[in-house]
Amino acid sequence: MSSVWTAILLVALINFAIKAAGPALLGDRPLPARAAAVIALFAPALLAGLVVTDVAGPSWTEADWTVAAGLSTAAIVYLCRAPVLVSVAVAIVVTALLRAIV
C-alpha cells in the first residue's frame, strides 16, 4: 500500500473516531450552548480561509488584484441587500472587465 493510501485510511479512521466521540460522550444530552456556538463558527472560518488561500495563491506569491476587486465588489453588492446570485454575477463581470482591460 502506498503512503498516499495509508494517509487516506488514517484520515478516514480519525474522522470516524472524532464523529463517533460526540454521541458516545454526550449520549442524549444536548450540546452546551458555548460549544454549539464554536461549532457554528467553523464553517465561515473554513470558507474564509479557503477564499484567502485561493486568492493569494501558493505561498502568497500569486495574488491577483482582479480577483480581489471582484470579491470586494461581491461583498459591497451583497451589503446593499442584493441577492447572492446577483452579487456573484456582478463580481464575475467586474473581474472579467478588469482582466480584459489589463
PDB file of N, CA and C in Angstrom:
ATOM      1  N   MET A   1       0.850  -1.176   0.000  1.00  0.00           N
ATOM      2  CA  MET A   1       0.000   0.000   0.000  1.00  0.00           C
ATOM      3  C   MET A   1       0.893   1.235   0.000  1.00  0.00           C
ATOM      4  N   SER A   2       0.573   2.185  -0.869  1.00  0.00           N
ATOM      5  CA  SER A   2       1.396   3.390  -0.961  1.00  0.00           C
ATOM      6  C   SER A   2       1.147   4.301   0.236  1.00  0.00           C
ATOM      7  N   SER A   3       2.032   5.243   0.402  1.00  0.00           N
ATOM      8  CA  SER A   3       1.914   6.159   1.538  1.00  0.00           C
ATOM      9  C   SER A   3       0.683   7.063   1.409  1.00  0.00           C
ATOM     10  N   VAL A   4       0.266   7.354   0.182  1.00  0.00           N
ATOM     11  CA  VAL A   4      -0.925   8.177  -0.010  1.00  0.00           C
ATOM     12  C   VAL A   4      -2.159   7.447   0.501  1.00  0.00           C
ATOM     13  N   TRP A   5      -2.294   6.156   0.147  1.00  0.00           N
ATOM     14  CA  TRP A   5      -3.454   5.398   0.600  1.00  0.00           C
ATOM     15  C   TRP A   5      -3.411   5.159   2.101  1.00  0.00           C
ATOM     16  N   THR A   6      -2.229   5.024   2.658  1.00  0.00           N
ATOM     17  CA  THR A   6      -2.109   4.908   4.106  1.00  0.00           C
ATOM     18  C   THR A   6      -2.583   6.182   4.785  1.00  0.00           C
ATOM     19  N   ALA A   7      -2.194   7.338   4.243  1.00  0.00           N
ATOM     20  CA  ALA A   7      -2.627   8.613   4.808  1.00  0.00           C
ATOM     21  C   ALA A   7      -4.143   8.767   4.683  1.00  0.00           C
ATOM     22  N   ILE A   8      -4.717   8.382   3.550  1.00  0.00           N
ATOM     23  CA  ILE A   8      -6.167   8.467   3.355  1.00  0.00           C
ATOM     24  C   ILE A   8      -6.887   7.579   4.360  1.00  0.00           C
ATOM     25  N   LEU A   9      -6.398   6.372   4.568  1.00  0.00           N
ATOM     26  CA  LEU A   9      -7.006   5.461   5.524  1.00  0.00           C
ATOM     27  C   LEU A   9      -6.916   6.011   6.946  1.00  0.00           C
ATOM     28  N   LEU A  10      -5.762   6.567   7.312  1.00  0.00           N
ATOM     29  CA  LEU A  10      -5.614   7.151   8.651  1.00  0.00           C
ATOM     30  C   LEU A  10      -6.547   8.334   8.864  1.00  0.00           C
ATOM     31  N   VAL A  11      -6.654   9.193   7.871  1.00  0.00           N
ATOM     32  CA  VAL A  11      -7.555  10.347   7.985  1.00  0.00           C
ATOM     33  C   VAL A  11      -9.003   9.875   8.108  1.00  0.00           C
ATOM     34  N   ALA A  12      -9.381   8.861   7.354  1.00  0.00           N
ATOM     35  CA  ALA A  12     -10.741   8.328   7.437  1.00  0.00           C
ATOM     36  C   ALA A  12     -11.016   7.738   8.818  1.00  0.00           C
ATOM     37  N   LEU A  13     -10.067   7.007   9.370  1.00  0.00           N
ATOM     38  CA  LEU A  13     -10.251   6.425  10.701  1.00  0.00           C
ATOM     39  C   LEU A  13     -10.327   7.497  11.785  1.00  0.00           C
ATOM     40  N   ILE A  14      -9.483   8.498  11.694  1.00  0.00           N
ATOM     41  CA  ILE A  14      -9.503   9.583  12.674  1.00  0.00           C
ATOM     42  C   ILE A  14     -10.815  10.360  12.558  1.00  0.00           C
ATOM     43  N   ASN A  15     -11.270  10.603  11.337  1.00  0.00           N
ATOM     44  CA  ASN A  15     -12.539  11.289  11.121  1.00  0.00           C
ATOM     45  C   ASN A  15     -13.688  10.498  11.734  1.00  0.00           C
ATOM     46  N   PHE A  16     -13.694   9.186  11.537  1.00  0.00           N
ATOM     47  CA  PHE A  16     -14.737   8.341  12.115  1.00  0.00           C
ATOM     48  C   PHE A  16     -14.689   8.394  13.640  1.00  0.00           C
ATOM     49  N   ALA A  17     -13.497   8.345  14.206  1.00  0.00           N
ATOM     50  CA  ALA A  17     -13.369   8.386  15.667  1.00  0.00           C
ATOM     51  C   ALA A  17     -13.863   9.710  16.238  1.00  0.00           C
ATOM     52  N   ILE A  18     -13.536  10.802  15.564  1.00  0.00           N
ATOM     53  CA  ILE A  18     -13.982  12.113  16.043  1.00  0.00           C
ATOM     54  C   ILE A  18     -15.505  12.227  15.956  1.00  0.00           C
ATOM     55  N   LYS A  19     -16.081  11.757  14.856  1.00  0.00           N
ATOM     56  CA  LYS A  19     -17.533  11.839  14.705  1.00  0.00           C
ATOM     57  C   LYS A  19     -18.253  10.909  15.677  1.00  0.00           C
ATOM     58  N   ALA A  20     -17.661   9.783  16.018  1.00  0.00           N
ATOM     59  CA  ALA A  20     -18.289   8.855  16.949  1.00  0.00           C
ATOM     60  C   ALA A  20     -18.128   9.308  18.393  1.00  0.00           C
ATOM     61  N   ALA A  21     -17.123  10.123  18.668  1.00  0.00           N
ATOM     62  CA  ALA A  21     -16.868  10.552  20.045  1.00  0.00           C
ATOM     63  C   ALA A  21     -17.983  11.442  20.574  1.00  0.00           C
ATOM     64  N   GLY A  22     -18.554  12.282  19.746  1.00  0.00           N
ATOM     65  CA  GLY A  22     -19.610  13.185  20.202  1.00  0.00           C
ATOM     66  C   GLY A  22     -20.812  12.446  20.769  1.00  0.00           C
ATOM     67  N   PRO A  23     -21.467  11.604  19.978  1.00  0.00           N
ATOM     68  CA  PRO A  23     -22.607  10.861  20.531  1.00  0.00           C
ATOM     69  C   PRO A  23     -22.219   9.910  21.666  1.00  0.00           C
ATOM     70  N   ALA A  24     -21.032   9.347  21.611  1.00  0.00           N
ATOM     71  CA  ALA A  24     -20.614   8.423  22.662  1.00  0.00           C
ATOM     72  C   ALA A  24     -20.417   9.154  23.987  1.00  0.00           C
ATOM     73  N   LEU A  25     -19.864  10.354  23.946  1.00  0.00           N
ATOM     74  CA  LEU A  25     -19.604  11.100  25.177  1.00  0.00           C
ATOM     75  C   LEU A  25     -20.843  11.837  25.682  1.00  0.00           C
ATOM     76  N   LEU A  26     -21.645  12.380  24.767  1.00  0.00           N
ATOM     77  CA  LEU A  26     -22.804  13.167  25.182  1.00  0.00           C
ATOM     78  C   LEU A  26     -24.056  12.333  25.408  1.00  0.00           C
ATOM     79  N   GLY A  27     -24.201  11.258  24.670  1.00  0.00           N
ATOM     80  CA  GLY A  27     -25.415  10.456  24.788  1.00  0.00           C
ATOM     81  C   GLY A  27     -26.614  11.240  24.294  1.00  0.00           C
ATOM     82  N   ASP A  28     -27.665  11.314  25.121  1.00  0.00           N
ATOM     83  CA  ASP A  28     -28.874  12.046  24.747  1.00  0.00           C
ATOM     84  C   ASP A  28     -28.879  13.475  25.256  1.00  0.00           C
ATOM     85  N   ARG A  29     -27.798  13.892  25.914  1.00  0.00           N
ATOM     86  CA  ARG A  29     -27.749  15.257  26.443  1.00  0.00           C
ATOM     87  C   ARG A  29     -27.519  16.252  25.311  1.00  0.00           C
ATOM     88  N   PRO A  30     -28.105  17.435  25.420  1.00  0.00           N
ATOM     89  CA  PRO A  30     -27.872  18.456  24.376  1.00  0.00           C
ATOM     90  C   PRO A  30     -26.460  19.037  24.499  1.00  0.00           C
ATOM     91  N   LEU A  31     -25.972  19.523  23.400  1.00  0.00           N
ATOM     92  CA  LEU A  31     -24.656  20.146  23.360  1.00  0.00           C
ATOM     93  C   LEU A  31     -24.711  21.473  24.109  1.00  0.00           C
ATOM     94  N   PRO A  32     -23.700  21.785  24.917  1.00  0.00           N
ATOM     95  CA  PRO A  32     -23.704  23.083  25.608  1.00  0.00           C
ATOM     96  C   PRO A  32     -23.752  24.236  24.602  1.00  0.00           C
ATOM     97  N   ALA A  33     -24.373  25.327  25.009  1.00  0.00           N
ATOM     98  CA  ALA A  33     -24.571  26.464  24.103  1.00  0.00           C
ATOM     99  C   ALA A  33     -23.245  27.027  23.610  1.00  0.00           C
ATOM    100  N   ARG A  34     -22.249  27.087  24.483  1.00  0.00           N
ATOM    101  CA  ARG A  34     -20.951  27.628  24.086  1.00  0.00           C
ATOM    102  C   ARG A  34     -20.274  26.741  23.036  1.00  0.00           C
ATOM    103  N   ALA A  35     -20.369  25.438  23.205  1.00  0.00           N
ATOM    104  CA  ALA A  35     -19.793  24.512  22.233  1.00  0.00           C
ATOM    105  C   ALA A  35     -20.529  24.606  20.893  1.00  0.00           C
ATOM    106  N   ALA A  36     -21.837  24.739  20.941  1.00  0.00           N
ATOM    107  CA  ALA A  36     -22.621  24.877  19.703  1.00  0.00           C
ATOM    108  C   ALA A  36     -22.250  26.163  18.973  1.00  0.00           C
ATOM    109  N   ALA A  37     -21.999  27.224  19.721  1.00  0.00           N
ATOM    110  CA  ALA A  37     -21.610  28.491  19.090  1.00  0.00           C
ATOM    111  C   ALA A  37     -20.251  28.375  18.413  1.00  0.00           C
ATOM    112  N   VAL A  38     -19.320  27.676  19.050  1.00  0.00           N
ATOM    113  CA  VAL A  38     -17.990  27.496  18.452  1.00  0.00           C
ATOM    114  C   VAL A  38     -18.092  26.637  17.191  1.00  0.00           C
ATOM    115  N   ILE A  39     -18.864  25.586  17.253  1.00  0.00           N
ATOM    116  CA  ILE A  39     -19.029  24.710  16.086  1.00  0.00           C
ATOM    117  C   ILE A  39     -19.696  25.467  14.940  1.00  0.00           C
ATOM    118  N   ALA A  40     -20.631  26.349  15.255  1.00  0.00           N
ATOM    119  CA  ALA A  40     -21.307  27.124  14.206  1.00  0.00           C
ATOM    120  C   ALA A  40     -20.347  28.072  13.499  1.00  0.00           C
ATOM    121  N   LEU A  41     -19.263  28.461  14.158  1.00  0.00           N
ATOM    122  CA  LEU A  41     -18.300  29.379  13.545  1.00  0.00           C
ATOM    123  C   LEU A  41     -17.246  28.671  12.702  1.00  0.00           C
ATOM    124  N   PHE A  42     -17.181  27.344  12.762  1.00  0.00           N
ATOM    125  CA  PHE A  42     -16.181  26.609  11.984  1.00  0.00           C
ATOM    126  C   PHE A  42     -16.370  26.777  10.482  1.00  0.00           C
ATOM    127  N   ALA A  43     -17.604  26.678   9.998  1.00  0.00           N
ATOM    128  CA  ALA A  43     -17.856  26.749   8.557  1.00  0.00           C
ATOM    129  C   ALA A  43     -17.465  28.107   7.969  1.00  0.00           C
ATOM    130  N   PRO A  44     -17.876  29.236   8.554  1.00  0.00           N
ATOM    131  CA  PRO A  44     -17.442  30.518   7.983  1.00  0.00           C
ATOM    132  C   PRO A  44     -15.930  30.718   8.051  1.00  0.00           C
ATOM    133  N   ALA A  45     -15.307  30.246   9.125  1.00  0.00           N
ATOM    134  CA  ALA A  45     -13.852  30.390   9.242  1.00  0.00           C
ATOM    135  C   ALA A  45     -13.134  29.551   8.188  1.00  0.00           C
ATOM    136  N   LEU A  46     -13.620  28.337   7.956  1.00  0.00           N
ATOM    137  CA  LEU A  46     -13.025  27.486   6.930  1.00  0.00           C
ATOM    138  C   LEU A  46     -13.223  28.087   5.546  1.00  0.00           C
ATOM    139  N   LEU A  47     -14.413  28.605   5.273  1.00  0.00           N
ATOM    140  CA  LEU A  47     -14.675  29.232   3.977  1.00  0.00           C
ATOM    141  C   LEU A  47     -13.779  30.444   3.763  1.00  0.00           C
ATOM    142  N   ALA A  48     -13.637  31.270   4.788  1.00  0.00           N
ATOM    143  CA  ALA A  48     -12.763  32.446   4.666  1.00  0.00           C
ATOM    144  C   ALA A  48     -11.322  32.027   4.405  1.00  0.00           C
ATOM    145  N   GLY A  49     -10.862  31.005   5.088  1.00  0.00           N
ATOM    146  CA  GLY A  49      -9.502  30.520   4.858  1.00  0.00           C
ATOM    147  C   GLY A  49      -9.312  29.987   3.447  1.00  0.00           C
ATOM    148  N   LEU A  50     -10.298  29.270   2.939  1.00  0.00           N
ATOM    149  CA  LEU A  50     -10.206  28.755   1.571  1.00  0.00           C
ATOM    150  C   LEU A  50     -10.201  29.880   0.544  1.00  0.00           C
ATOM    151  N   VAL A  51     -11.017  30.898   0.762  1.00  0.00           N
ATOM    152  CA  VAL A  51     -11.064  32.031  -0.169  1.00  0.00           C
ATOM    153  C   VAL A  51      -9.735  32.777  -0.155  1.00  0.00           C
ATOM    154  N   VAL A  52      -9.205  33.025   1.030  1.00  0.00           N
ATOM    155  CA  VAL A  52      -7.940  33.766   1.125  1.00  0.00           C
ATOM    156  C   VAL A  52      -6.808  32.997   0.476  1.00  0.00           C
ATOM    157  N   THR A  53      -6.710  31.697   0.726  1.00  0.00           N
ATOM    158  CA  THR A  53      -5.621  30.926   0.113  1.00  0.00           C
ATOM    159  C   THR A  53      -5.807  30.803  -1.391  1.00  0.00           C
ATOM    160  N   ASP A  54      -7.055  30.774  -1.863  1.00  0.00           N
ATOM    161  CA  ASP A  54      -7.287  30.702  -3.304  1.00  0.00           C
ATOM    162  C   ASP A  54      -6.931  32.024  -3.978  1.00  0.00           C
ATOM    163  N   VAL A  55      -7.252  33.132  -3.337  1.00  0.00           N
ATOM    164  CA  VAL A  55      -6.953  34.447  -3.914  1.00  0.00           C
ATOM    165  C   VAL A  55      -5.448  34.720  -3.891  1.00  0.00           C
ATOM    166  N   ALA A  56      -4.803  34.395  -2.790  1.00  0.00           N
ATOM    167  CA  ALA A  56      -3.384  34.721  -2.632  1.00  0.00           C
ATOM    168  C   ALA A  56      -2.470  33.754  -3.367  1.00  0.00           C
ATOM    169  N   GLY A  57      -2.931  32.568  -3.670  1.00  0.00           N
ATOM    170  CA  GLY A  57      -2.102  31.596  -4.362  1.00  0.00           C
ATOM    171  C   GLY A  57      -1.151  30.892  -3.416  1.00  0.00           C
ATOM    172  N   PRO A  58      -0.433  29.907  -3.934  1.00  0.00           N
ATOM    173  CA  PRO A  58       0.510  29.185  -3.081  1.00  0.00           C
ATOM    174  C   PRO A  58       1.638  30.100  -2.606  1.00  0.00           C
ATOM    175  N   SER A  59       1.931  29.998  -1.352  1.00  0.00           N
ATOM    176  CA  SER A  59       2.995  30.786  -0.713  1.00  0.00           C
ATOM    177  C   SER A  59       2.743  32.284  -0.817  1.00  0.00           C
ATOM    178  N   TRP A  60       1.514  32.684  -1.044  1.00  0.00           N
ATOM    179  CA  TRP A  60       1.122  34.089  -1.117  1.00  0.00           C
ATOM    180  C   TRP A  60       1.919  34.854  -2.176  1.00  0.00           C
ATOM    181  N   THR A  61       2.304  34.191  -3.257  1.00  0.00           N
ATOM    182  CA  THR A  61       3.120  34.836  -4.278  1.00  0.00           C
ATOM    183  C   THR A  61       2.348  35.186  -5.537  1.00  0.00           C
ATOM    184  N   GLU A  62       1.164  34.642  -5.697  1.00  0.00           N
ATOM    185  CA  GLU A  62       0.419  34.856  -6.933  1.00  0.00           C
ATOM    186  C   GLU A  62      -0.889  35.608  -6.686  1.00  0.00           C
ATOM    187  N   ALA A  63      -0.836  36.619  -5.857  1.00  0.00           N
ATOM    188  CA  ALA A  63      -2.050  37.379  -5.558  1.00  0.00           C
ATOM    189  C   ALA A  63      -2.536  38.087  -6.818  1.00  0.00           C
ATOM    190  N   ASP A  64      -3.799  37.935  -7.129  1.00  0.00           N
ATOM    191  CA  ASP A  64      -4.396  38.522  -8.322  1.00  0.00           C
ATOM    192  C   ASP A  64      -5.324  39.652  -7.885  1.00  0.00           C
ATOM    193  N   TRP A  65      -4.969  40.857  -8.221  1.00  0.00           N
ATOM    194  CA  TRP A  65      -5.735  42.013  -7.766  1.00  0.00           C
ATOM    195  C   TRP A  65      -7.112  42.069  -8.416  1.00  0.00           C
ATOM    196  N   THR A  66      -7.268  41.455  -9.597  1.00  0.00           N
ATOM    197  CA  THR A  66      -8.587  41.469 -10.234  1.00  0.00           C
ATOM    198  C   THR A  66      -9.570  40.592  -9.466  1.00  0.00           C
ATOM    199  N   VAL A  67      -9.091  39.477  -8.937  1.00  0.00           N
ATOM    200  CA  VAL A  67      -9.958  38.616  -8.128  1.00  0.00           C
ATOM    201  C   VAL A  67     -10.312  39.328  -6.822  1.00  0.00           C
ATOM    202  N   ALA A  68      -9.337  40.014  -6.232  1.00  0.00           N
ATOM    203  CA  ALA A  68      -9.611  40.772  -5.004  1.00  0.00           C
ATOM    204  C   ALA A  68     -10.646  41.863  -5.265  1.00  0.00           C
ATOM    205  N   ALA A  69     -10.564  42.513  -6.421  1.00  0.00           N
ATOM    206  CA  ALA A  69     -11.554  43.530  -6.764  1.00  0.00           C
ATOM    207  C   ALA A  69     -12.932  42.902  -6.961  1.00  0.00           C
ATOM    208  N   GLY A  70     -12.979  41.740  -7.580  1.00  0.00           N
ATOM    209  CA  GLY A  70     -14.249  41.042  -7.762  1.00  0.00           C
ATOM    210  C   GLY A  70     -14.867  40.623  -6.439  1.00  0.00           C
ATOM    211  N   LEU A  71     -14.045  40.102  -5.525  1.00  0.00           N
ATOM    212  CA  LEU A  71     -14.555  39.730  -4.205  1.00  0.00           C
ATOM    213  C   LEU A  71     -15.062  40.945  -3.433  1.00  0.00           C
ATOM    214  N   SER A  72     -14.330  42.035  -3.542  1.00  0.00           N
ATOM    215  CA  SER A  72     -14.770  43.265  -2.879  1.00  0.00           C
ATOM    216  C   SER A  72     -16.094  43.748  -3.453  1.00  0.00           C
ATOM    217  N   THR A  73     -16.225  43.658  -4.764  1.00  0.00           N
ATOM    218  CA  THR A  73     -17.474  44.058  -5.409  1.00  0.00           C
ATOM    219  C   THR A  73     -18.626  43.175  -4.948  1.00  0.00           C
ATOM    220  N   ALA A  74     -18.377  41.870  -4.857  1.00  0.00           N
ATOM    221  CA  ALA A  74     -19.428  40.962  -4.393  1.00  0.00           C
ATOM    222  C   ALA A  74     -19.861  41.313  -2.974  1.00  0.00           C
ATOM    223  N   ALA A  75     -18.902  41.623  -2.118  1.00  0.00           N
ATOM    224  CA  ALA A  75     -19.236  41.979  -0.737  1.00  0.00           C
ATOM    225  C   ALA A  75     -20.042  43.273  -0.680  1.00  0.00           C
ATOM    226  N   ILE A  76     -19.643  44.261  -1.466  1.00  0.00           N
ATOM    227  CA  ILE A  76     -20.353  45.541  -1.458  1.00  0.00           C
ATOM    228  C   ILE A  76     -21.769  45.392  -2.004  1.00  0.00           C
ATOM    229  N   VAL A  77     -21.913  44.664  -3.104  1.00  0.00           N
ATOM    230  CA  VAL A  77     -23.245  44.463  -3.693  1.00  0.00           C
ATOM    231  C   VAL A  77     -24.136  43.674  -2.737  1.00  0.00           C
ATOM    232  N   TYR A  78     -23.564  42.679  -2.051  1.00  0.00           N
ATOM    233  CA  TYR A  78     -24.343  41.890  -1.094  1.00  0.00           C
ATOM    234  C   TYR A  78     -24.751  42.743   0.108  1.00  0.00           C
ATOM    235  N   LEU A  79     -23.876  43.627   0.543  1.00  0.00           N
ATOM    236  CA  LEU A  79     -24.215  44.510   1.660  1.00  0.00           C
ATOM    237  C   LEU A  79     -25.304  45.514   1.282  1.00  0.00           C
ATOM    238  N   CYS A  80     -25.465  45.744  -0.013  1.00  0.00           N
ATOM    239  CA  CYS A  80     -26.549  46.617  -0.498  1.00  0.00           C
ATOM    240  C   CYS A  80     -27.853  45.841  -0.659  1.00  0.00           C
ATOM    241  N   ARG A  81     -27.939  44.691  -0.036  1.00  0.00           N
ATOM    242  CA  ARG A  81     -29.141  43.850   0.008  1.00  0.00           C
ATOM    243  C   ARG A  81     -29.502  43.200  -1.323  1.00  0.00           C
ATOM    244  N   ALA A  82     -28.543  42.993  -2.181  1.00  0.00           N
ATOM    245  CA  ALA A  82     -28.805  42.267  -3.428  1.00  0.00           C
ATOM    246  C   ALA A  82     -28.745  40.762  -3.135  1.00  0.00           C
ATOM    247  N   PRO A  83     -29.449  39.959  -3.913  1.00  0.00           N
ATOM    248  CA  PRO A  83     -29.371  38.507  -3.713  1.00  0.00           C
ATOM    249  C   PRO A  83     -27.945  37.990  -3.972  1.00  0.00           C
ATOM    250  N   VAL A  84     -27.655  36.827  -3.408  1.00  0.00           N
ATOM    251  CA  VAL A  84     -26.307  36.256  -3.532  1.00  0.00           C
ATOM    252  C   VAL A  84     -25.955  36.010  -4.993  1.00  0.00           C
ATOM    253  N   LEU A  85     -26.889  35.483  -5.766  1.00  0.00           N
ATOM    254  CA  LEU A  85     -26.616  35.191  -7.176  1.00  0.00           C
ATOM    255  C   LEU A  85     -26.289  36.463  -7.955  1.00  0.00           C
ATOM    256  N   VAL A  86     -26.980  37.534  -7.665  1.00  0.00           N
ATOM    257  CA  VAL A  86     -26.699  38.808  -8.318  1.00  0.00           C
ATOM    258  C   VAL A  86     -25.323  39.315  -7.895  1.00  0.00           C
ATOM    259  N   SER A  87     -24.980  39.173  -6.625  1.00  0.00           N
ATOM    260  CA  SER A  87     -23.666  39.600  -6.138  1.00  0.00           C
ATOM    261  C   SER A  87     -22.547  38.847  -6.847  1.00  0.00           C
ATOM    262  N   VAL A  88     -22.720  37.551  -6.989  1.00  0.00           N
ATOM    263  CA  VAL A  88     -21.705  36.738  -7.666  1.00  0.00           C
ATOM    264  C   VAL A  88     -21.610  37.122  -9.139  1.00  0.00           C
ATOM    265  N   ALA A  89     -22.752  37.341  -9.783  1.00  0.00           N
ATOM    266  CA  ALA A  89     -22.743  37.713 -11.198  1.00  0.00           C
ATOM    267  C   ALA A  89     -22.048  39.054 -11.417  1.00  0.00           C
ATOM    268  N   VAL A  90     -22.322  40.023 -10.562  1.00  0.00           N
ATOM    269  CA  VAL A  90     -21.660  41.329 -10.679  1.00  0.00           C
ATOM    270  C   VAL A  90     -20.158  41.178 -10.449  1.00  0.00           C
ATOM    271  N   ALA A  91     -19.768  40.353  -9.477  1.00  0.00           N
ATOM    272  CA  ALA A  91     -18.342  40.133  -9.219  1.00  0.00           C
ATOM    273  C   ALA A  91     -17.650  39.494 -10.418  1.00  0.00           C
ATOM    274  N   ILE A  92     -18.332  38.566 -11.057  1.00  0.00           N
ATOM    275  CA  ILE A  92     -17.748  37.914 -12.249  1.00  0.00           C
ATOM    276  C   ILE A  92     -17.565  38.928 -13.370  1.00  0.00           C
ATOM    277  N   VAL A  93     -18.563  39.765 -13.570  1.00  0.00           N
ATOM    278  CA  VAL A  93     -18.487  40.774 -14.632  1.00  0.00           C
ATOM    279  C   VAL A  93     -17.354  41.760 -14.352  1.00  0.00           C
ATOM    280  N   VAL A  94     -17.252  42.216 -13.106  1.00  0.00           N
ATOM    281  CA  VAL A  94     -16.188  43.171 -12.759  1.00  0.00           C
ATOM    282  C   VAL A  94     -14.815  42.543 -12.954  1.00  0.00           C
ATOM    283  N   THR A  95     -14.650  41.312 -12.498  1.00  0.00           N
ATOM    284  CA  THR A  95     -13.357  40.632 -12.662  1.00  0.00           C
ATOM    285  C   THR A  95     -13.026  40.443 -14.137  1.00  0.00           C
ATOM    286  N   ALA A  96     -14.010  40.033 -14.939  1.00  0.00           N
ATOM    287  CA  ALA A  96     -13.773  39.830 -16.369  1.00  0.00           C
ATOM    288  C   ALA A  96     -13.424  41.140 -17.072  1.00  0.00           C
ATOM    289  N   LEU A  97     -14.125  42.195 -16.712  1.00  0.00           N
ATOM    290  CA  LEU A  97     -13.820  43.505 -17.338  1.00  0.00           C
ATOM    291  C   LEU A  97     -12.421  43.992 -16.968  1.00  0.00           C
ATOM    292  N   LEU A  98     -12.058  43.831 -15.712  1.00  0.00           N
ATOM    293  CA  LEU A  98     -10.715  44.253 -15.291  1.00  0.00           C
ATOM    294  C   LEU A  98      -9.625  43.434 -15.987  1.00  0.00           C
ATOM    295  N   ARG A  99      -9.874  42.135 -16.161  1.00  0.00           N
ATOM    296  CA  ARG A  99      -8.881  41.306 -16.868  1.00  0.00           C
ATOM    297  C   ARG A  99      -8.824  41.646 -18.347  1.00  0.00           C
ATOM    298  N   ALA A 100      -9.961  42.046 -18.913  1.00  0.00           N
ATOM    299  CA  ALA A 100      -9.963  42.416 -20.334  1.00  0.00           C
ATOM    300  C   ALA A 100      -9.243  43.741 -20.567  1.00  0.00           C
ATOM    301  N   ILE A 101      -9.367  44.656 -19.611  1.00  0.00           N
ATOM    302  CA  ILE A 101      -8.716  45.959 -19.744  1.00  0.00           C
ATOM    303  C   ILE A 101      -7.207  45.840 -19.610  1.00  0.00           C
ATOM    304  N   VAL A 102      -6.782  45.008 -18.665  1.00  0.00           N
ATOM    305  CA  VAL A 102      -5.342  44.874 -18.387  1.00  0.00           C
ATOM    306  C   VAL A 102      -4.731  43.880 -19.262  1.00  0.00           C
TER     307      VAL A 102
END
